[in-house]
Amino acid sequence: MAKETQKSLSDKERNRLLEILEKQGRDTWLKRWKEHMAFPDNLNPQLMNRDEQEKVLRYLLLRVLINQQAKFEKVREMSIRISEEFTDVLLFEPHKISESELFRVFKDVAGEKGSLLYRVGVLGGIKPISLFAYRFKTYEGFIRWLNENKQNFLTVIEEQLRRNKSRGLFDFLNTHPVLSAGWVGNDPKACRMYVN
């Protein structure tokens, strides 16, 4: 038999405790989410500024494209390195990045053959640097498409979500004439990850 009894909290104390737990949970989740998504120092996903949100969405698109069939630890490192190295040029004018500069960063992070990023044997003879370049070119092509059509990615996403919810956004990204070349599989996991 218990020697001490515990009194329940008053409604005021209970609400205060719940507020503290909610704040700790939110702060911890935001910190872990930011670390998991590997945001570089030059991007802040918590700012509500539309320009900053545009940058974050473009960065995440590149990240999910190069993440496919890759080792996630190296994808995090690669994403951060590329973003910090090329800053806003990467997000708005990636065509201005020379292949030699891009490949230098690739080899610094992924190794001379790229096997630290992509598992060479799994790719069916495709060289990791070729796969990386292909995915980067897909990203570059989509950014060019946005620029040519004078659109912001954030606005495109909002329109798709307004029209058809998340399924419409998935269908748009999955079947987009430029992006569809960068996805792996008929129901690409990377595209679903991006929509989520």
C-alpha atoms as a PDB file:
ATOM      1  CA  MET A   1       0.000   0.000   0.000  1.00  0.00           C
ATOM      2  CA  ALA A   2       1.272   3.447  -0.928  1.00  0.00           C
ATOM      3  CA  LYS A   3       2.474   5.566   1.955  1.00  0.00           C
ATOM      4  CA  GLU A   4       2.005   8.835   0.098  1.00  0.00           C
ATOM      5  CA  THR A   5      -0.831  10.021  -2.056  1.00  0.00           C
ATOM      6  CA  GLN A   6      -0.409  12.364  -4.930  1.00  0.00           C
ATOM      7  CA  LYS A   7      -2.825  15.211  -5.428  1.00  0.00           C
ATOM      8  CA  SER A   8      -3.972  16.080  -8.922  1.00  0.00           C
ATOM      9  CA  LEU A   9      -3.084  19.411 -10.429  1.00  0.00           C
ATOM     10  CA  SER A  10      -5.546  22.223 -10.525  1.00  0.00           C
ATOM     11  CA  ASP A  11      -6.923  23.220 -13.914  1.00  0.00           C
ATOM     12  CA  LYS A  12      -4.655  26.275 -13.943  1.00  0.00           C
ATOM     13  CA  GLU A  13      -1.558  24.183 -13.111  1.00  0.00           C
ATOM     14  CA  ARG A  14      -2.551  21.531 -15.677  1.00  0.00           C
ATOM     15  CA  ASN A  15      -2.918  24.157 -18.427  1.00  0.00           C
ATOM     16  CA  ARG A  16       0.414  25.733 -17.507  1.00  0.00           C
ATOM     17  CA  LEU A  17       2.150  22.308 -17.642  1.00  0.00           C
ATOM     18  CA  LEU A  18       0.593  21.574 -21.047  1.00  0.00           C
ATOM     19  CA  GLU A  19       1.773  24.959 -22.369  1.00  0.00           C
ATOM     20  CA  ILE A  20       5.333  24.221 -21.211  1.00  0.00           C
ATOM     21  CA  LEU A  21       5.297  20.746 -22.783  1.00  0.00           C
ATOM     22  CA  GLU A  22       3.820  22.097 -26.023  1.00  0.00           C
ATOM     23  CA  LYS A  23       6.511  24.782 -26.286  1.00  0.00           C
ATOM     24  CA  GLN A  24       9.305  22.274 -25.611  1.00  0.00           C
ATOM     25  CA  GLY A  25       7.853  19.853 -28.157  1.00  0.00           C
ATOM     26  CA  ARG A  26       7.501  22.528 -30.842  1.00  0.00           C
ATOM     27  CA  ASP A  27      11.000  23.914 -30.258  1.00  0.00           C
ATOM     28  CA  THR A  28      12.566  20.439 -30.276  1.00  0.00           C
ATOM     29  CA  TRP A  29      10.659  19.408 -33.414  1.00  0.00           C
ATOM     30  CA  LEU A  30      11.662  22.569 -35.306  1.00  0.00           C
ATOM     31  CA  LYS A  31      15.311  22.131 -34.320  1.00  0.00           C
ATOM     32  CA  ARG A  32      15.383  18.438 -35.312  1.00  0.00           C
ATOM     33  CA  TRP A  33      13.486  19.091 -38.546  1.00  0.00           C
ATOM     34  CA  LYS A  34      15.945  21.814 -39.538  1.00  0.00           C
ATOM     35  CA  GLU A  35      18.929  19.572 -38.749  1.00  0.00           C
ATOM     36  CA  HIS A  36      17.376  16.597 -40.586  1.00  0.00           C
ATOM     37  CA  MET A  37      16.625  18.648 -43.689  1.00  0.00           C
ATOM     38  CA  ALA A  38      20.205  19.956 -43.557  1.00  0.00           C
ATOM     39  CA  PHE A  39      19.544  23.615 -44.123  1.00  0.00           C
ATOM     40  CA  PRO A  40      22.682  25.646 -44.707  1.00  0.00           C
ATOM     41  CA  ASP A  41      23.321  28.786 -42.695  1.00  0.00           C
ATOM     42  CA  ASN A  42      22.305  31.001 -45.620  1.00  0.00           C
ATOM     43  CA  LEU A  43      18.680  29.693 -45.516  1.00  0.00           C
ATOM     44  CA  ASN A  44      16.156  30.003 -42.709  1.00  0.00           C
ATOM     45  CA  PRO A  45      13.039  27.853 -43.172  1.00  0.00           C
ATOM     46  CA  GLN A  46      11.338  29.471 -40.190  1.00  0.00           C
ATOM     47  CA  LEU A  47      11.103  32.930 -41.747  1.00  0.00           C
ATOM     48  CA  MET A  48       7.677  33.682 -43.171  1.00  0.00           C
ATOM     49  CA  ASN A  49       9.087  36.060 -45.782  1.00  0.00           C
ATOM     50  CA  ARG A  50       7.940  34.862 -49.228  1.00  0.00           C
ATOM     51  CA  ASP A  51      11.404  35.373 -50.748  1.00  0.00           C
ATOM     52  CA  GLU A  52      12.967  33.172 -48.076  1.00  0.00           C
ATOM     53  CA  GLN A  53      10.232  30.558 -48.523  1.00  0.00           C
ATOM     54  CA  GLU A  54      10.943  30.541 -52.276  1.00  0.00           C
ATOM     55  CA  LYS A  55      14.626  29.877 -51.585  1.00  0.00           C
ATOM     56  CA  VAL A  56      13.815  27.071 -49.160  1.00  0.00           C
ATOM     57  CA  LEU A  57      11.461  25.360 -51.634  1.00  0.00           C
ATOM     58  CA  ARG A  58      14.038  25.512 -54.429  1.00  0.00           C
ATOM     59  CA  TYR A  59      16.774  24.211 -52.137  1.00  0.00           C
ATOM     60  CA  LEU A  60      14.586  21.295 -50.986  1.00  0.00           C
ATOM     61  CA  LEU A  61      13.770  20.422 -54.586  1.00  0.00           C
ATOM     62  CA  LEU A  62      17.463  20.067 -55.409  1.00  0.00           C
ATOM     63  CA  ARG A  63      17.985  18.090 -52.221  1.00  0.00           C
ATOM     64  CA  VAL A  64      15.270  15.516 -52.990  1.00  0.00           C
ATOM     65  CA  LEU A  65      16.467  15.159 -56.581  1.00  0.00           C
ATOM     66  CA  ILE A  66      20.050  14.309 -55.599  1.00  0.00           C
ATOM     67  CA  ASN A  67      18.865  12.249 -52.614  1.00  0.00           C
ATOM     68  CA  GLN A  68      17.458   9.448 -54.764  1.00  0.00           C
ATOM     69  CA  GLN A  69      19.582   6.268 -54.520  1.00  0.00           C
ATOM     70  CA  ALA A  70      22.111   8.177 -52.416  1.00  0.00           C
ATOM     71  CA  LYS A  71      23.560   7.851 -48.931  1.00  0.00           C
ATOM     72  CA  PHE A  72      21.586  10.322 -46.854  1.00  0.00           C
ATOM     73  CA  GLU A  73      24.518  11.510 -44.697  1.00  0.00           C
ATOM     74  CA  LYS A  74      26.408  12.549 -47.811  1.00  0.00           C
ATOM     75  CA  VAL A  75      23.303  14.120 -49.351  1.00  0.00           C
ATOM     76  CA  ARG A  76      23.056  16.355 -46.305  1.00  0.00           C
ATOM     77  CA  GLU A  77      26.705  17.333 -46.637  1.00  0.00           C
ATOM     78  CA  MET A  78      26.462  17.772 -50.423  1.00  0.00           C
ATOM     79  CA  SER A  79      23.318  19.920 -50.197  1.00  0.00           C
ATOM     80  CA  ILE A  80      24.814  22.225 -47.600  1.00  0.00           C
ATOM     81  CA  ARG A  81      28.135  22.515 -49.417  1.00  0.00           C
ATOM     82  CA  ILE A  82      26.553  23.327 -52.775  1.00  0.00           C
ATOM     83  CA  SER A  83      24.193  25.868 -51.246  1.00  0.00           C
ATOM     84  CA  GLU A  84      26.901  27.622 -49.263  1.00  0.00           C
ATOM     85  CA  GLU A  85      29.347  27.549 -52.178  1.00  0.00           C
ATOM     86  CA  PHE A  86      26.990  28.947 -54.810  1.00  0.00           C
ATOM     87  CA  THR A  87      24.421  30.808 -52.619  1.00  0.00           C
ATOM     88  CA  ASP A  88      21.578  32.504 -54.543  1.00  0.00           C
ATOM     89  CA  VAL A  89      23.078  31.626 -57.924  1.00  0.00           C
ATOM     90  CA  LEU A  90      22.179  27.993 -57.154  1.00  0.00           C
ATOM     91  CA  LEU A  91      18.600  28.933 -56.360  1.00  0.00           C
ATOM     92  CA  PHE A  92      17.855  31.409 -59.141  1.00  0.00           C
ATOM     93  CA  GLU A  93      20.459  31.008 -61.905  1.00  0.00           C
ATOM     94  CA  PRO A  94      21.999  27.534 -61.602  1.00  0.00           C
ATOM     95  CA  HIS A  95      22.924  27.626 -65.309  1.00  0.00           C
ATOM     96  CA  LYS A  96      25.667  30.113 -64.358  1.00  0.00           C
ATOM     97  CA  ILE A  97      27.481  27.470 -62.290  1.00  0.00           C
ATOM     98  CA  SER A  98      30.235  25.904 -64.360  1.00  0.00           C
ATOM     99  CA  GLU A  99      30.508  22.129 -64.494  1.00  0.00           C
ATOM    100  CA  SER A 100      34.112  22.297 -63.313  1.00  0.00           C
ATOM    101  CA  GLU A 101      33.100  24.229 -60.161  1.00  0.00           C
ATOM    102  CA  LEU A 102      30.160  21.894 -59.540  1.00  0.00           C
ATOM    103  CA  PHE A 103      32.272  18.753 -60.078  1.00  0.00           C
ATOM    104  CA  ARG A 104      34.979  20.092 -57.761  1.00  0.00           C
ATOM    105  CA  VAL A 105      32.440  20.325 -54.938  1.00  0.00           C
ATOM    106  CA  PHE A 106      31.029  16.915 -55.889  1.00  0.00           C
ATOM    107  CA  LYS A 107      34.444  15.265 -55.664  1.00  0.00           C
ATOM    108  CA  ASP A 108      35.287  17.048 -52.402  1.00  0.00           C
ATOM    109  CA  VAL A 109      32.180  15.582 -50.765  1.00  0.00           C
ATOM    110  CA  ALA A 110      31.552  12.339 -52.664  1.00  0.00           C
ATOM    111  CA  GLY A 111      35.123  11.268 -53.356  1.00  0.00           C
ATOM    112  CA  GLU A 112      36.985  11.045 -56.642  1.00  0.00           C
ATOM    113  CA  LYS A 113      34.631   8.421 -58.092  1.00  0.00           C
ATOM    114  CA  GLY A 114      31.523   9.579 -56.229  1.00  0.00           C
ATOM    115  CA  SER A 115      31.072   6.304 -54.353  1.00  0.00           C
ATOM    116  CA  LEU A 116      30.698   8.119 -51.027  1.00  0.00           C
ATOM    117  CA  LEU A 117      27.408   9.580 -52.327  1.00  0.00           C
ATOM    118  CA  TYR A 118      26.009   6.920 -54.668  1.00  0.00           C
ATOM    119  CA  ARG A 119      26.544   3.156 -54.439  1.00  0.00           C
ATOM    120  CA  VAL A 120      28.342   2.469 -57.676  1.00  0.00           C
ATOM    121  CA  GLY A 121      27.273  -1.174 -58.206  1.00  0.00           C
ATOM    122  CA  VAL A 122      23.580  -0.367 -57.726  1.00  0.00           C
ATOM    123  CA  LEU A 123      23.525   2.163 -60.562  1.00  0.00           C
ATOM    124  CA  GLY A 124      23.921  -0.388 -63.359  1.00  0.00           C
ATOM    125  CA  GLY A 125      27.112   1.058 -64.806  1.00  0.00           C
ATOM    126  CA  ILE A 126      26.163   4.721 -64.553  1.00  0.00           C
ATOM    127  CA  LYS A 127      28.958   6.769 -63.049  1.00  0.00           C
ATOM    128  CA  PRO A 128      27.924   8.610 -59.864  1.00  0.00           C
ATOM    129  CA  ILE A 129      29.129  11.947 -61.218  1.00  0.00           C
ATOM    130  CA  SER A 130      26.995  11.437 -64.345  1.00  0.00           C
ATOM    131  CA  LEU A 131      23.939  10.680 -62.225  1.00  0.00           C
ATOM    132  CA  PHE A 132      24.595  13.724 -60.073  1.00  0.00           C
ATOM    133  CA  ALA A 133      25.061  15.932 -63.153  1.00  0.00           C
ATOM    134  CA  TYR A 134      21.843  14.578 -64.681  1.00  0.00           C
ATOM    135  CA  ARG A 135      19.859  15.343 -61.532  1.00  0.00           C
ATOM    136  CA  PHE A 136      21.442  18.779 -61.234  1.00  0.00           C
ATOM    137  CA  LYS A 137      20.540  19.488 -64.883  1.00  0.00           C
ATOM    138  CA  THR A 138      16.944  18.473 -64.151  1.00  0.00           C
ATOM    139  CA  TYR A 139      16.884  20.976 -61.309  1.00  0.00           C
ATOM    140  CA  GLU A 140      18.534  23.605 -63.499  1.00  0.00           C
ATOM    141  CA  GLY A 141      15.982  22.998 -66.252  1.00  0.00           C
ATOM    142  CA  PHE A 142      13.079  23.418 -63.868  1.00  0.00           C
ATOM    143  CA  ILE A 143      14.474  26.688 -62.489  1.00  0.00           C
ATOM    144  CA  ARG A 144      14.924  27.868 -66.084  1.00  0.00           C
ATOM    145  CA  TRP A 145      11.281  26.907 -66.767  1.00  0.00           C
ATOM    146  CA  LEU A 146      10.168  28.962 -63.749  1.00  0.00           C
ATOM    147  CA  ASN A 147      12.247  31.940 -64.906  1.00  0.00           C
ATOM    148  CA  GLU A 148      11.035  31.750 -68.509  1.00  0.00           C
ATOM    149  CA  ASN A 149       7.418  31.619 -67.330  1.00  0.00           C
ATOM    150  CA  LYS A 150       8.054  34.412 -64.803  1.00  0.00           C
ATOM    151  CA  GLN A 151       6.766  32.253 -61.961  1.00  0.00           C
ATOM    152  CA  ASN A 152       7.751  31.661 -58.387  1.00  0.00           C
ATOM    153  CA  PHE A 153       7.869  28.091 -57.179  1.00  0.00           C
ATOM    154  CA  LEU A 154       5.959  29.078 -54.039  1.00  0.00           C
ATOM    155  CA  THR A 155       3.103  30.483 -56.126  1.00  0.00           C
ATOM    156  CA  VAL A 156       3.004  27.356 -58.324  1.00  0.00           C
ATOM    157  CA  ILE A 157       2.813  25.147 -55.233  1.00  0.00           C
ATOM    158  CA  GLU A 158       0.083  27.269 -53.641  1.00  0.00           C
ATOM    159  CA  GLU A 159      -1.992  27.140 -56.854  1.00  0.00           C
ATOM    160  CA  GLN A 160      -1.668  23.374 -57.101  1.00  0.00           C
ATOM    161  CA  LEU A 161      -2.601  22.901 -53.451  1.00  0.00           C
ATOM    162  CA  ARG A 162      -5.588  25.243 -53.802  1.00  0.00           C
ATOM    163  CA  ARG A 163      -6.841  23.433 -56.889  1.00  0.00           C
ATOM    164  CA  ASN A 164      -6.297  19.801 -56.057  1.00  0.00           C
ATOM    165  CA  LYS A 165      -4.745  19.553 -52.591  1.00  0.00           C
ATOM    166  CA  SER A 166      -1.574  17.485 -52.158  1.00  0.00           C
ATOM    167  CA  ARG A 167      -2.519  14.953 -54.876  1.00  0.00           C
ATOM    168  CA  GLY A 168      -2.610  17.747 -57.442  1.00  0.00           C
ATOM    169  CA  LEU A 169       0.797  19.001 -56.363  1.00  0.00           C
ATOM    170  CA  PHE A 170       2.207  15.487 -56.584  1.00  0.00           C
ATOM    171  CA  ASP A 171       0.738  15.012 -60.077  1.00  0.00           C
ATOM    172  CA  PHE A 172       2.078  18.384 -61.207  1.00  0.00           C
ATOM    173  CA  LEU A 173       5.618  17.670 -59.978  1.00  0.00           C
ATOM    174  CA  ASN A 174       5.567  14.034 -61.092  1.00  0.00           C
ATOM    175  CA  THR A 175       4.418  14.765 -64.643  1.00  0.00           C
ATOM    176  CA  HIS A 176       6.106  18.107 -65.223  1.00  0.00           C
ATOM    177  CA  PRO A 177       7.959  17.833 -68.573  1.00  0.00           C
ATOM    178  CA  VAL A 178      11.290  18.838 -67.004  1.00  0.00           C
ATOM    179  CA  LEU A 179      11.048  17.332 -63.521  1.00  0.00           C
ATOM    180  CA  SER A 180       9.657  13.966 -64.638  1.00  0.00           C
ATOM    181  CA  ALA A 181      13.078  13.194 -66.122  1.00  0.00           C
ATOM    182  CA  GLY A 182      14.694  13.498 -62.697  1.00  0.00           C
ATOM    183  CA  TRP A 183      12.437  11.161 -60.711  1.00  0.00           C
ATOM    184  CA  VAL A 184      13.143   7.477 -60.211  1.00  0.00           C
ATOM    185  CA  GLY A 185      10.222   5.057 -60.633  1.00  0.00           C
ATOM    186  CA  ASN A 186       6.587   5.336 -61.670  1.00  0.00           C
ATOM    187  CA  ASP A 187       5.502   6.638 -58.263  1.00  0.00           C
ATOM    188  CA  PRO A 188       8.671   8.436 -57.212  1.00  0.00           C
ATOM    189  CA  LYS A 189       9.353   8.408 -53.496  1.00  0.00           C
ATOM    190  CA  ALA A 190      11.411  11.607 -53.783  1.00  0.00           C
ATOM    191  CA  CYS A 191       8.453  13.436 -55.310  1.00  0.00           C
ATOM    192  CA  ARG A 192       6.178  12.169 -52.515  1.00  0.00           C
ATOM    193  CA  MET A 193       8.773  13.231 -49.932  1.00  0.00           C
ATOM    194  CA  TYR A 194       8.854  16.697 -51.428  1.00  0.00           C
ATOM    195  CA  VAL A 195       5.069  17.037 -51.356  1.00  0.00           C
ATOM    196  CA  ASN A 196       4.992  15.847 -47.746  1.00  0.00           C
END
